[in-house]
Amino acid sequence: MGLCAALTLLPVLGLVPVAPAPGQDLVAAAETAAKADADTPGGKAFGEALGEAFGREHGLTIQRCAKETKRPDLSGFDLLLRVDPSGAVDQALVKPVTNLATCVQGKLAGWKTSVPPHPGFWVEVAVNLKRKQAAKP
C-alpha cells in the first residue's frame, strides 16, 4: 500500500527572527511570527510558490521517511520553515512532534528554495497524509 502526501500550504509568513516570549516555546513563537505577515502580497506569493516547490521536491522525502521509520505515525503535521536571505531553509520545526514529522524535519535543513521577499521569513506548511487505496478489480 503506497503513501500519498496531500500538502496544503498555509500562506503564513513572518518577517522577523523568532524569539520566544517568556513562557512561550519556540514552535509557538514561530507560529506567531509566521502568522504576522500572512496577508502581505509578497508573502502570499512567496508562500504559494514555496508550497508548490515543497510538494514537488519533498513528496518522496515523506515517502522515504515513512519507509525508514518503524511504525510511522501517519497523522498530519505542520512544518514551520525559516528561509534565509539566500532562499535556504535554516530552521525547520514540526507540530506535533511525531516520528515521521521528525524524520522529515531532519531532511529539510539547507533545502534551497526561492529567495524570500525579506530575510528570516517563517512559512507554515500543513502536511496531511493519506494512504492510497488499492485499486478494486
C-alpha atoms as a PDB file:
ATOM      1  CA  MET A   1       0.000   0.000   0.000  1.00  0.00           C
ATOM      2  CA  GLY A   2       1.552   3.295  -1.060  1.00  0.00           C
ATOM      3  CA  LEU A   3       1.545   6.599   0.735  1.00  0.00           C
ATOM      4  CA  CYS A   4       0.453   9.843  -0.844  1.00  0.00           C
ATOM      5  CA  ALA A   5       1.135  13.226   0.693  1.00  0.00           C
ATOM      6  CA  ALA A   6      -1.551  15.827   0.291  1.00  0.00           C
ATOM      7  CA  LEU A   7       0.139  19.102   1.055  1.00  0.00           C
ATOM      8  CA  THR A   8      -1.613  22.284   1.945  1.00  0.00           C
ATOM      9  CA  LEU A   9       0.344  25.481   2.232  1.00  0.00           C
ATOM     10  CA  LEU A  10      -0.920  27.943   4.722  1.00  0.00           C
ATOM     11  CA  PRO A  11       0.193  31.349   3.481  1.00  0.00           C
ATOM     12  CA  VAL A  12       1.504  32.478   6.819  1.00  0.00           C
ATOM     13  CA  LEU A  13       4.785  34.306   6.879  1.00  0.00           C
ATOM     14  CA  GLY A  14       6.777  36.373   9.326  1.00  0.00           C
ATOM     15  CA  LEU A  15       9.426  38.988   8.735  1.00  0.00           C
ATOM     16  CA  VAL A  16      11.386  38.906  11.967  1.00  0.00           C
ATOM     17  CA  PRO A  17      13.571  36.271  13.592  1.00  0.00           C
ATOM     18  CA  VAL A  18      11.749  34.291  16.217  1.00  0.00           C
ATOM     19  CA  ALA A  19      12.498  34.901  19.865  1.00  0.00           C
ATOM     20  CA  PRO A  20      10.070  33.186  22.215  1.00  0.00           C
ATOM     21  CA  ALA A  21       8.319  35.408  24.714  1.00  0.00           C
ATOM     22  CA  PRO A  22       8.742  34.373  28.348  1.00  0.00           C
ATOM     23  CA  GLY A  23       6.802  31.153  28.836  1.00  0.00           C
ATOM     24  CA  GLN A  24       6.354  30.632  25.060  1.00  0.00           C
ATOM     25  CA  ASP A  25       8.076  27.743  23.304  1.00  0.00           C
ATOM     26  CA  LEU A  26       9.962  28.089  20.034  1.00  0.00           C
ATOM     27  CA  VAL A  27       7.218  26.438  17.942  1.00  0.00           C
ATOM     28  CA  ALA A  28       4.563  28.804  19.281  1.00  0.00           C
ATOM     29  CA  ALA A  29       6.876  31.759  18.639  1.00  0.00           C
ATOM     30  CA  ALA A  30       7.477  30.540  15.064  1.00  0.00           C
ATOM     31  CA  GLU A  31       3.717  30.180  14.517  1.00  0.00           C
ATOM     32  CA  THR A  32       3.174  33.713  15.792  1.00  0.00           C
ATOM     33  CA  ALA A  33       5.904  35.058  13.503  1.00  0.00           C
ATOM     34  CA  ALA A  34       4.535  33.108  10.529  1.00  0.00           C
ATOM     35  CA  LYS A  35       1.032  34.462  11.016  1.00  0.00           C
ATOM     36  CA  ALA A  36       2.207  38.055  11.476  1.00  0.00           C
ATOM     37  CA  ASP A  37       2.592  38.693   7.728  1.00  0.00           C
ATOM     38  CA  ALA A  38       0.101  36.189   6.342  1.00  0.00           C
ATOM     39  CA  ASP A  39      -1.754  38.803   4.311  1.00  0.00           C
ATOM     40  CA  THR A  40       1.132  40.633   2.652  1.00  0.00           C
ATOM     41  CA  PRO A  41       1.081  40.424  -1.163  1.00  0.00           C
ATOM     42  CA  GLY A  42       4.752  39.426  -1.424  1.00  0.00           C
ATOM     43  CA  GLY A  43       4.412  36.982   1.418  1.00  0.00           C
ATOM     44  CA  LYS A  44       1.363  35.318  -0.060  1.00  0.00           C
ATOM     45  CA  ALA A  45       3.026  34.805  -3.468  1.00  0.00           C
ATOM     46  CA  PHE A  46       6.218  33.518  -1.857  1.00  0.00           C
ATOM     47  CA  GLY A  47       4.262  31.117   0.358  1.00  0.00           C
ATOM     48  CA  GLU A  48       2.297  29.706  -2.560  1.00  0.00           C
ATOM     49  CA  ALA A  49       5.472  29.186  -4.601  1.00  0.00           C
ATOM     50  CA  LEU A  50       7.230  27.529  -1.653  1.00  0.00           C
ATOM     51  CA  GLY A  51       4.252  25.224  -1.070  1.00  0.00           C
ATOM     52  CA  GLU A  52       4.262  24.087  -4.685  1.00  0.00           C
ATOM     53  CA  ALA A  53       8.029  23.533  -4.595  1.00  0.00           C
ATOM     54  CA  PHE A  54       7.754  21.591  -1.334  1.00  0.00           C
ATOM     55  CA  GLY A  55       5.125  19.292  -2.830  1.00  0.00           C
ATOM     56  CA  ARG A  56       7.226  18.656  -5.953  1.00  0.00           C
ATOM     57  CA  GLU A  57      10.535  18.231  -4.185  1.00  0.00           C
ATOM     58  CA  HIS A  58       9.637  16.559  -0.894  1.00  0.00           C
ATOM     59  CA  GLY A  59       6.834  14.113  -1.629  1.00  0.00           C
ATOM     60  CA  LEU A  60       9.498  11.432  -1.996  1.00  0.00           C
ATOM     61  CA  THR A  61      11.194  12.638   1.193  1.00  0.00           C
ATOM     62  CA  ILE A  62       7.980  11.959   3.094  1.00  0.00           C
ATOM     63  CA  GLN A  63       7.608   8.540   1.447  1.00  0.00           C
ATOM     64  CA  ARG A  64      11.218   7.609   2.282  1.00  0.00           C
ATOM     65  CA  CYS A  65      10.727   8.684   5.879  1.00  0.00           C
ATOM     66  CA  ALA A  66       7.557   6.584   6.086  1.00  0.00           C
ATOM     67  CA  LYS A  67       9.505   3.541   4.862  1.00  0.00           C
ATOM     68  CA  GLU A  68      12.548   4.028   7.086  1.00  0.00           C
ATOM     69  CA  THR A  69      10.632   4.916  10.261  1.00  0.00           C
ATOM     70  CA  LYS A  70       9.496   1.986  12.373  1.00  0.00           C
ATOM     71  CA  ARG A  71       5.703   2.184  12.742  1.00  0.00           C
ATOM     72  CA  PRO A  72       5.426   5.698  11.250  1.00  0.00           C
ATOM     73  CA  ASP A  73       2.742   7.928  12.702  1.00  0.00           C
ATOM     74  CA  LEU A  74       0.786   8.982   9.620  1.00  0.00           C
ATOM     75  CA  SER A  75      -1.021  11.802  11.407  1.00  0.00           C
ATOM     76  CA  GLY A  76      -0.884  15.155   9.684  1.00  0.00           C
ATOM     77  CA  PHE A  77       1.621  17.700  10.936  1.00  0.00           C
ATOM     78  CA  ASP A  78       2.707  21.271  10.353  1.00  0.00           C
ATOM     79  CA  LEU A  79       6.176  22.286   9.247  1.00  0.00           C
ATOM     80  CA  LEU A  80       7.429  25.717  10.227  1.00  0.00           C
ATOM     81  CA  LEU A  81      10.302  26.690   7.950  1.00  0.00           C
ATOM     82  CA  ARG A  82      12.532  29.732   8.312  1.00  0.00           C
ATOM     83  CA  VAL A  83      14.024  30.784   4.986  1.00  0.00           C
ATOM     84  CA  ASP A  84      17.280  32.736   4.982  1.00  0.00           C
ATOM     85  CA  PRO A  85      18.129  35.586   2.568  1.00  0.00           C
ATOM     86  CA  SER A  86      19.632  33.152   0.018  1.00  0.00           C
ATOM     87  CA  GLY A  87      16.472  31.034  -0.071  1.00  0.00           C
ATOM     88  CA  ALA A  88      17.785  28.153   2.056  1.00  0.00           C
ATOM     89  CA  VAL A  89      15.839  26.700   4.964  1.00  0.00           C
ATOM     90  CA  ASP A  90      17.945  27.456   8.027  1.00  0.00           C
ATOM     91  CA  GLN A  91      15.495  26.203  10.621  1.00  0.00           C
ATOM     92  CA  ALA A  92      12.689  23.648  10.496  1.00  0.00           C
ATOM     93  CA  LEU A  93      10.236  22.919  13.299  1.00  0.00           C
ATOM     94  CA  VAL A  94       7.306  20.493  13.465  1.00  0.00           C
ATOM     95  CA  LYS A  95       3.988  20.411  15.283  1.00  0.00           C
ATOM     96  CA  PRO A  96       3.001  17.990  16.624  1.00  0.00           C
ATOM     97  CA  VAL A  97       6.219  16.074  17.049  1.00  0.00           C
ATOM     98  CA  THR A  98       5.773  12.572  15.617  1.00  0.00           C
ATOM     99  CA  ASN A  99       8.335  10.046  14.432  1.00  0.00           C
ATOM    100  CA  LEU A 100       7.516  10.737  10.771  1.00  0.00           C
ATOM    101  CA  ALA A 101       7.459  14.531  11.221  1.00  0.00           C
ATOM    102  CA  THR A 102      10.838  14.387  12.989  1.00  0.00           C
ATOM    103  CA  CYS A 103      12.334  12.393  10.112  1.00  0.00           C
ATOM    104  CA  VAL A 104      11.068  14.912   7.535  1.00  0.00           C
ATOM    105  CA  GLN A 105      12.248  17.810   9.707  1.00  0.00           C
ATOM    106  CA  GLY A 106      15.770  16.389   9.751  1.00  0.00           C
ATOM    107  CA  LYS A 107      15.937  16.309   5.975  1.00  0.00           C
ATOM    108  CA  LEU A 108      14.889  19.922   5.344  1.00  0.00           C
ATOM    109  CA  ALA A 109      17.822  21.905   6.744  1.00  0.00           C
ATOM    110  CA  GLY A 110      19.620  23.519   3.834  1.00  0.00           C
ATOM    111  CA  TRP A 111      16.806  22.880   1.338  1.00  0.00           C
ATOM    112  CA  LYS A 112      17.200  25.570  -1.287  1.00  0.00           C
ATOM    113  CA  THR A 113      14.020  27.262  -2.418  1.00  0.00           C
ATOM    114  CA  SER A 114      13.366  30.699  -3.872  1.00  0.00           C
ATOM    115  CA  VAL A 115      14.671  33.881  -2.288  1.00  0.00           C
ATOM    116  CA  PRO A 116      12.085  35.302   0.136  1.00  0.00           C
ATOM    117  CA  PRO A 117      10.872  38.890  -0.101  1.00  0.00           C
ATOM    118  CA  HIS A 118      12.516  39.522   3.286  1.00  0.00           C
ATOM    119  CA  PRO A 119      15.166  37.600   5.232  1.00  0.00           C
ATOM    120  CA  GLY A 120      14.063  35.322   8.031  1.00  0.00           C
ATOM    121  CA  PHE A 121      10.614  34.502   6.632  1.00  0.00           C
ATOM    122  CA  TRP A 122       8.752  31.823   8.547  1.00  0.00           C
ATOM    123  CA  VAL A 123       6.436  29.730   6.388  1.00  0.00           C
ATOM    124  CA  GLU A 124       3.945  27.223   7.742  1.00  0.00           C
ATOM    125  CA  VAL A 125       3.229  24.160   5.604  1.00  0.00           C
ATOM    126  CA  ALA A 126       0.459  21.762   6.608  1.00  0.00           C
ATOM    127  CA  VAL A 127       1.245  18.164   5.659  1.00  0.00           C
ATOM    128  CA  ASN A 128      -1.791  15.894   5.515  1.00  0.00           C
ATOM    129  CA  LEU A 129      -1.120  12.262   4.736  1.00  0.00           C
ATOM    130  CA  LYS A 130      -3.465   9.652   3.416  1.00  0.00           C
ATOM    131  CA  ARG A 131      -2.989   6.111   2.242  1.00  0.00           C
ATOM    132  CA  LYS A 132      -3.565   5.296  -1.400  1.00  0.00           C
ATOM    133  CA  GLN A 133      -6.490   2.977  -1.824  1.00  0.00           C
ATOM    134  CA  ALA A 134      -5.739  -0.270  -3.623  1.00  0.00           C
ATOM    135  CA  ALA A 135      -7.486  -0.488  -6.974  1.00  0.00           C
ATOM    136  CA  LYS A 136     -10.536  -2.727  -6.898  1.00  0.00           C
ATOM    137  CA  PRO A 137     -10.719  -5.441  -9.570  1.00  0.00           C
END
